[in-house]
Amino acid sequence: MVATISRDELKQKIDRHDPFVLVETLPEFMYQQGHLPGAVNLPPNRVQELAAKVLPDKNADVVVYCGSLT
């Protein structure tokens, strides 16, 4: 199931220490410039290559954060 959560809901998950994986889909150079605490990087152009390594638990709660270059 795919659902959308707000920034406030994400902050609540972080504050409650809910178990989840935070994935930022930023290009690597943007991720290196700054990312949310605890986030792992999965650049859009490397999803097939890195997804299994970055997200090994197929039952994990995953929150994907997408940035914009504009």
PDB file of N, CA and C in Angstrom:
ATOM      1  N   MET A   1       0.830  -1.177   0.000  1.00  0.00           N
ATOM      2  CA  MET A   1       0.000   0.000   0.000  1.00  0.00           C
ATOM      3  C   MET A   1       0.879   1.245   0.000  1.00  0.00           C
ATOM      4  N   VAL A   2       0.518   2.214  -0.792  1.00  0.00           N
ATOM      5  CA  VAL A   2       1.235   3.476  -0.851  1.00  0.00           C
ATOM      6  C   VAL A   2       0.320   4.566  -0.312  1.00  0.00           C
ATOM      7  N   ALA A   3       0.847   5.330   0.635  1.00  0.00           N
ATOM      8  CA  ALA A   3       0.082   6.435   1.219  1.00  0.00           C
ATOM      9  C   ALA A   3       0.971   7.665   1.257  1.00  0.00           C
ATOM     10  N   THR A   4       0.357   8.805   1.285  1.00  0.00           N
ATOM     11  CA  THR A   4       1.087  10.065   1.394  1.00  0.00           C
ATOM     12  C   THR A   4       0.912  10.593   2.810  1.00  0.00           C
ATOM     13  N   ILE A   5       2.022  11.065   3.401  1.00  0.00           N
ATOM     14  CA  ILE A   5       1.942  11.689   4.713  1.00  0.00           C
ATOM     15  C   ILE A   5       2.463  13.114   4.602  1.00  0.00           C
ATOM     16  N   SER A   6       2.049  13.946   5.520  1.00  0.00           N
ATOM     17  CA  SER A   6       2.478  15.344   5.531  1.00  0.00           C
ATOM     18  C   SER A   6       3.812  15.481   6.254  1.00  0.00           C
ATOM     19  N   ARG A   7       4.385  16.653   6.149  1.00  0.00           N
ATOM     20  CA  ARG A   7       5.614  16.942   6.894  1.00  0.00           C
ATOM     21  C   ARG A   7       5.377  16.805   8.387  1.00  0.00           C
ATOM     22  N   ASP A   8       4.218  17.272   8.843  1.00  0.00           N
ATOM     23  CA  ASP A   8       3.893  17.171  10.268  1.00  0.00           C
ATOM     24  C   ASP A   8       3.795  15.717  10.714  1.00  0.00           C
ATOM     25  N   GLU A   9       3.191  14.878   9.878  1.00  0.00           N
ATOM     26  CA  GLU A   9       3.095  13.454  10.210  1.00  0.00           C
ATOM     27  C   GLU A   9       4.472  12.807  10.238  1.00  0.00           C
ATOM     28  N   LEU A  10       5.347  13.189   9.318  1.00  0.00           N
ATOM     29  CA  LEU A  10       6.715  12.669   9.324  1.00  0.00           C
ATOM     30  C   LEU A  10       7.428  13.106  10.593  1.00  0.00           C
ATOM     31  N   LYS A  11       7.290  14.372  10.960  1.00  0.00           N
ATOM     32  CA  LYS A  11       7.928  14.860  12.189  1.00  0.00           C
ATOM     33  C   LYS A  11       7.423  14.092  13.398  1.00  0.00           C
ATOM     34  N   GLN A  12       6.133  13.802  13.447  1.00  0.00           N
ATOM     35  CA  GLN A  12       5.583  13.031  14.558  1.00  0.00           C
ATOM     36  C   GLN A  12       6.186  11.630  14.610  1.00  0.00           C
ATOM     37  N   LYS A  13       6.352  10.992  13.446  1.00  0.00           N
ATOM     38  CA  LYS A  13       6.981   9.667  13.404  1.00  0.00           C
ATOM     39  C   LYS A  13       8.403   9.724  13.942  1.00  0.00           C
ATOM     40  N   ILE A  14       9.128  10.768  13.553  1.00  0.00           N
ATOM     41  CA  ILE A  14      10.503  10.931  14.020  1.00  0.00           C
ATOM     42  C   ILE A  14      10.520  11.172  15.527  1.00  0.00           C
ATOM     43  N   ASP A  15       9.673  12.083  15.999  1.00  0.00           N
ATOM     44  CA  ASP A  15       9.625  12.423  17.426  1.00  0.00           C
ATOM     45  C   ASP A  15       9.225  11.237  18.293  1.00  0.00           C
ATOM     46  N   ARG A  16       8.343  10.366  17.768  1.00  0.00           N
ATOM     47  CA  ARG A  16       7.893   9.179  18.523  1.00  0.00           C
ATOM     48  C   ARG A  16       8.899   8.029  18.430  1.00  0.00           C
ATOM     49  N   HIS A  17       9.912   8.199  17.587  1.00  0.00           N
ATOM     50  CA  HIS A  17      10.905   7.147  17.341  1.00  0.00           C
ATOM     51  C   HIS A  17      10.248   5.901  16.749  1.00  0.00           C
ATOM     52  N   ASP A  18       9.257   6.116  15.886  1.00  0.00           N
ATOM     53  CA  ASP A  18       8.621   5.000  15.193  1.00  0.00           C
ATOM     54  C   ASP A  18       9.666   4.279  14.350  1.00  0.00           C
ATOM     55  N   PRO A  19       9.565   2.961  14.249  1.00  0.00           N
ATOM     56  CA  PRO A  19      10.511   2.234  13.392  1.00  0.00           C
ATOM     57  C   PRO A  19      10.128   2.394  11.914  1.00  0.00           C
ATOM     58  N   PHE A  20      10.980   3.053  11.163  1.00  0.00           N
ATOM     59  CA  PHE A  20      10.771   3.202   9.730  1.00  0.00           C
ATOM     60  C   PHE A  20      12.086   3.576   9.084  1.00  0.00           C
ATOM     61  N   VAL A  21      12.142   3.407   7.776  1.00  0.00           N
ATOM     62  CA  VAL A  21      13.322   3.789   7.001  1.00  0.00           C
ATOM     63  C   VAL A  21      12.954   5.046   6.222  1.00  0.00           C
ATOM     64  N   LEU A  22      13.756   6.078   6.390  1.00  0.00           N
ATOM     65  CA  LEU A  22      13.545   7.327   5.661  1.00  0.00           C
ATOM     66  C   LEU A  22      14.490   7.337   4.467  1.00  0.00           C
ATOM     67  N   VAL A  23      13.915   7.417   3.285  1.00  0.00           N
ATOM     68  CA  VAL A  23      14.690   7.376   2.040  1.00  0.00           C
ATOM     69  C   VAL A  23      14.554   8.716   1.337  1.00  0.00           C
ATOM     70  N   GLU A  24      15.682   9.328   1.026  1.00  0.00           N
ATOM     71  CA  GLU A  24      15.674  10.556   0.226  1.00  0.00           C
ATOM     72  C   GLU A  24      16.094  10.189  -1.188  1.00  0.00           C
ATOM     73  N   THR A  25      15.279  10.604  -2.142  1.00  0.00           N
ATOM     74  CA  THR A  25      15.546  10.267  -3.545  1.00  0.00           C
ATOM     75  C   THR A  25      16.205  11.432  -4.269  1.00  0.00           C
ATOM     76  N   LEU A  26      17.135  12.044  -3.585  1.00  0.00           N
ATOM     77  CA  LEU A  26      17.869  13.170  -4.162  1.00  0.00           C
ATOM     78  C   LEU A  26      19.065  12.668  -4.956  1.00  0.00           C
ATOM     79  N   PRO A  27      19.482  13.415  -5.965  1.00  0.00           N
ATOM     80  CA  PRO A  27      20.759  13.087  -6.593  1.00  0.00           C
ATOM     81  C   PRO A  27      21.849  13.116  -5.514  1.00  0.00           C
ATOM     82  N   GLU A  28      22.856  12.289  -5.683  1.00  0.00           N
ATOM     83  CA  GLU A  28      23.880  12.130  -4.647  1.00  0.00           C
ATOM     84  C   GLU A  28      24.523  13.451  -4.221  1.00  0.00           C
ATOM     85  N   PHE A  29      24.808  14.353  -5.164  1.00  0.00           N
ATOM     86  CA  PHE A  29      25.461  15.612  -4.802  1.00  0.00           C
ATOM     87  C   PHE A  29      24.552  16.464  -3.918  1.00  0.00           C
ATOM     88  N   MET A  30      23.232  16.414  -4.140  1.00  0.00           N
ATOM     89  CA  MET A  30      22.310  17.174  -3.298  1.00  0.00           C
ATOM     90  C   MET A  30      22.189  16.545  -1.912  1.00  0.00           C
ATOM     91  N   TYR A  31      22.179  15.224  -1.853  1.00  0.00           N
ATOM     92  CA  TYR A  31      22.124  14.520  -0.575  1.00  0.00           C
ATOM     93  C   TYR A  31      23.345  14.878   0.267  1.00  0.00           C
ATOM     94  N   GLN A  32      24.512  14.940  -0.364  1.00  0.00           N
ATOM     95  CA  GLN A  32      25.745  15.282   0.354  1.00  0.00           C
ATOM     96  C   GLN A  32      25.706  16.711   0.894  1.00  0.00           C
ATOM     97  N   GLN A  33      24.987  17.599   0.220  1.00  0.00           N
ATOM     98  CA  GLN A  33      24.885  18.994   0.670  1.00  0.00           C
ATOM     99  C   GLN A  33      23.972  19.126   1.881  1.00  0.00           C
ATOM    100  N   GLY A  34      23.055  18.213   2.046  1.00  0.00           N
ATOM    101  CA  GLY A  34      22.160  18.255   3.189  1.00  0.00           C
ATOM    102  C   GLY A  34      20.992  17.311   3.017  1.00  0.00           C
ATOM    103  N   HIS A  35      20.660  16.624   4.100  1.00  0.00           N
ATOM    104  CA  HIS A  35      19.545  15.686   4.077  1.00  0.00           C
ATOM    105  C   HIS A  35      18.934  15.591   5.466  1.00  0.00           C
ATOM    106  N   LEU A  36      17.765  15.004   5.540  1.00  0.00           N
ATOM    107  CA  LEU A  36      17.096  14.832   6.814  1.00  0.00           C
ATOM    108  C   LEU A  36      17.896  13.861   7.688  1.00  0.00           C
ATOM    109  N   PRO A  37      17.942  14.111   8.994  1.00  0.00           N
ATOM    110  CA  PRO A  37      18.695  13.219   9.889  1.00  0.00           C
ATOM    111  C   PRO A  37      18.207  11.771   9.788  1.00  0.00           C
ATOM    112  N   GLY A  38      19.162  10.866   9.647  1.00  0.00           N
ATOM    113  CA  GLY A  38      18.849   9.446   9.579  1.00  0.00           C
ATOM    114  C   GLY A  38      18.419   8.939   8.217  1.00  0.00           C
ATOM    115  N   ALA A  39      18.301   9.831   7.253  1.00  0.00           N
ATOM    116  CA  ALA A  39      17.850   9.425   5.919  1.00  0.00           C
ATOM    117  C   ALA A  39      18.952   8.693   5.169  1.00  0.00           C
ATOM    118  N   VAL A  40      18.525   7.716   4.377  1.00  0.00           N
ATOM    119  CA  VAL A  40      19.448   7.045   3.461  1.00  0.00           C
ATOM    120  C   VAL A  40      19.162   7.568   2.061  1.00  0.00           C
ATOM    121  N   ASN A  41      20.158   7.547   1.224  1.00  0.00           N
ATOM    122  CA  ASN A  41      20.022   8.090  -0.121  1.00  0.00           C
ATOM    123  C   ASN A  41      19.780   6.980  -1.129  1.00  0.00           C
ATOM    124  N   LEU A  42      18.796   7.194  -1.979  1.00  0.00           N
ATOM    125  CA  LEU A  42      18.508   6.287  -3.083  1.00  0.00           C
ATOM    126  C   LEU A  42      18.218   7.143  -4.305  1.00  0.00           C
ATOM    127  N   PRO A  43      19.301   7.583  -4.985  1.00  0.00           N
ATOM    128  CA  PRO A  43      19.113   8.456  -6.145  1.00  0.00           C
ATOM    129  C   PRO A  43      18.250   7.789  -7.207  1.00  0.00           C
ATOM    130  N   PRO A  44      17.397   8.566  -7.851  1.00  0.00           N
ATOM    131  CA  PRO A  44      16.485   7.999  -8.853  1.00  0.00           C
ATOM    132  C   PRO A  44      17.187   7.195  -9.948  1.00  0.00           C
ATOM    133  N   ASN A  45      18.368   7.611 -10.332  1.00  0.00           N
ATOM    134  CA  ASN A  45      19.069   6.925 -11.415  1.00  0.00           C
ATOM    135  C   ASN A  45      19.795   5.652 -10.954  1.00  0.00           C
ATOM    136  N   ARG A  46      19.698   5.330  -9.627  1.00  0.00           N
ATOM    137  CA  ARG A  46      20.385   4.141  -9.115  1.00  0.00           C
ATOM    138  C   ARG A  46      19.448   3.216  -8.334  1.00  0.00           C
ATOM    139  N   VAL A  47      18.135   3.385  -8.500  1.00  0.00           N
ATOM    140  CA  VAL A  47      17.167   2.585  -7.739  1.00  0.00           C
ATOM    141  C   VAL A  47      17.387   1.089  -7.964  1.00  0.00           C
ATOM    142  N   GLN A  48      17.446   0.656  -9.197  1.00  0.00           N
ATOM    143  CA  GLN A  48      17.613  -0.774  -9.467  1.00  0.00           C
ATOM    144  C   GLN A  48      18.905  -1.316  -8.870  1.00  0.00           C
ATOM    145  N   GLU A  49      19.947  -0.527  -8.925  1.00  0.00           N
ATOM    146  CA  GLU A  49      21.256  -0.952  -8.432  1.00  0.00           C
ATOM    147  C   GLU A  49      21.302  -1.023  -6.902  1.00  0.00           C
ATOM    148  N   LEU A  50      20.695  -0.056  -6.211  1.00  0.00           N
ATOM    149  CA  LEU A  50      20.868   0.078  -4.770  1.00  0.00           C
ATOM    150  C   LEU A  50      19.685  -0.324  -3.896  1.00  0.00           C
ATOM    151  N   ALA A  51      18.505  -0.482  -4.457  1.00  0.00           N
ATOM    152  CA  ALA A  51      17.307  -0.698  -3.637  1.00  0.00           C
ATOM    153  C   ALA A  51      17.436  -1.887  -2.683  1.00  0.00           C
ATOM    154  N   ALA A  52      17.894  -3.015  -3.161  1.00  0.00           N
ATOM    155  CA  ALA A  52      18.002  -4.200  -2.298  1.00  0.00           C
ATOM    156  C   ALA A  52      18.994  -3.976  -1.162  1.00  0.00           C
ATOM    157  N   LYS A  53      20.034  -3.219  -1.416  1.00  0.00           N
ATOM    158  CA  LYS A  53      21.042  -2.941  -0.381  1.00  0.00           C
ATOM    159  C   LYS A  53      20.518  -1.919   0.629  1.00  0.00           C
ATOM    160  N   VAL A  54      19.877  -0.873   0.151  1.00  0.00           N
ATOM    161  CA  VAL A  54      19.388   0.206   1.011  1.00  0.00           C
ATOM    162  C   VAL A  54      18.139  -0.226   1.780  1.00  0.00           C
ATOM    163  N   LEU A  55      17.325  -1.080   1.158  1.00  0.00           N
ATOM    164  CA  LEU A  55      16.049  -1.514   1.752  1.00  0.00           C
ATOM    165  C   LEU A  55      15.974  -3.040   1.822  1.00  0.00           C
ATOM    166  N   PRO A  56      16.822  -3.676   2.640  1.00  0.00           N
ATOM    167  CA  PRO A  56      16.845  -5.138   2.667  1.00  0.00           C
ATOM    168  C   PRO A  56      15.609  -5.765   3.321  1.00  0.00           C
ATOM    169  N   ASP A  57      14.932  -5.060   4.240  1.00  0.00           N
ATOM    170  CA  ASP A  57      13.756  -5.592   4.930  1.00  0.00           C
ATOM    171  C   ASP A  57      12.501  -5.249   4.132  1.00  0.00           C
ATOM    172  N   LYS A  58      11.959  -6.230   3.452  1.00  0.00           N
ATOM    173  CA  LYS A  58      10.795  -5.997   2.594  1.00  0.00           C
ATOM    174  C   LYS A  58       9.526  -5.691   3.394  1.00  0.00           C
ATOM    175  N   ASN A  59       9.562  -5.892   4.709  1.00  0.00           N
ATOM    176  CA  ASN A  59       8.403  -5.613   5.557  1.00  0.00           C
ATOM    177  C   ASN A  59       8.529  -4.289   6.298  1.00  0.00           C
ATOM    178  N   ALA A  60       9.616  -3.573   6.077  1.00  0.00           N
ATOM    179  CA  ALA A  60       9.853  -2.312   6.788  1.00  0.00           C
ATOM    180  C   ALA A  60       8.877  -1.240   6.340  1.00  0.00           C
ATOM    181  N   ASP A  61       8.567  -0.361   7.272  1.00  0.00           N
ATOM    182  CA  ASP A  61       7.787   0.835   6.957  1.00  0.00           C
ATOM    183  C   ASP A  61       8.767   1.814   6.318  1.00  0.00           C
ATOM    184  N   VAL A  62       8.502   2.222   5.086  1.00  0.00           N
ATOM    185  CA  VAL A  62       9.416   3.088   4.348  1.00  0.00           C
ATOM    186  C   VAL A  62       8.720   4.406   4.033  1.00  0.00           C
ATOM    187  N   VAL A  63       9.416   5.502   4.341  1.00  0.00           N
ATOM    188  CA  VAL A  63       8.940   6.830   3.987  1.00  0.00           C
ATOM    189  C   VAL A  63       9.924   7.374   2.964  1.00  0.00           C
ATOM    190  N   VAL A  64       9.411   7.730   1.794  1.00  0.00           N
ATOM    191  CA  VAL A  64      10.254   8.244   0.715  1.00  0.00           C
ATOM    192  C   VAL A  64      10.038   9.743   0.616  1.00  0.00           C
ATOM    193  N   TYR A  65      11.138  10.484   0.661  1.00  0.00           N
ATOM    194  CA  TYR A  65      11.106  11.928   0.558  1.00  0.00           C
ATOM    195  C   TYR A  65      11.693  12.298  -0.798  1.00  0.00           C
ATOM    196  N   CYS A  66      10.911  13.003  -1.588  1.00  0.00           N
ATOM    197  CA  CYS A  66      11.362  13.398  -2.923  1.00  0.00           C
ATOM    198  C   CYS A  66      11.644  14.892  -2.946  1.00  0.00           C
ATOM    199  N   GLY A  67      12.784  15.240  -3.440  1.00  0.00           N
ATOM    200  CA  GLY A  67      13.133  16.643  -3.582  1.00  0.00           C
ATOM    201  C   GLY A  67      12.935  17.082  -5.017  1.00  0.00           C
ATOM    202  N   SER A  68      13.152  18.365  -5.252  1.00  0.00           N
ATOM    203  CA  SER A  68      12.991  18.923  -6.582  1.00  0.00           C
ATOM    204  C   SER A  68      14.212  19.764  -6.909  1.00  0.00           C
ATOM    205  N   LEU A  69      14.617  19.729  -8.154  1.00  0.00           N
ATOM    206  CA  LEU A  69      15.752  20.534  -8.584  1.00  0.00           C
ATOM    207  C   LEU A  69      15.324  21.943  -8.979  1.00  0.00           C
ATOM    208  N   THR A  70      14.026  22.205  -8.976  1.00  0.00           N
ATOM    209  CA  THR A  70      13.537  23.523  -9.388  1.00  0.00           C
ATOM    210  C   THR A  70      13.176  24.370  -8.196  1.00  0.00           C
TER     211      THR A  70
END
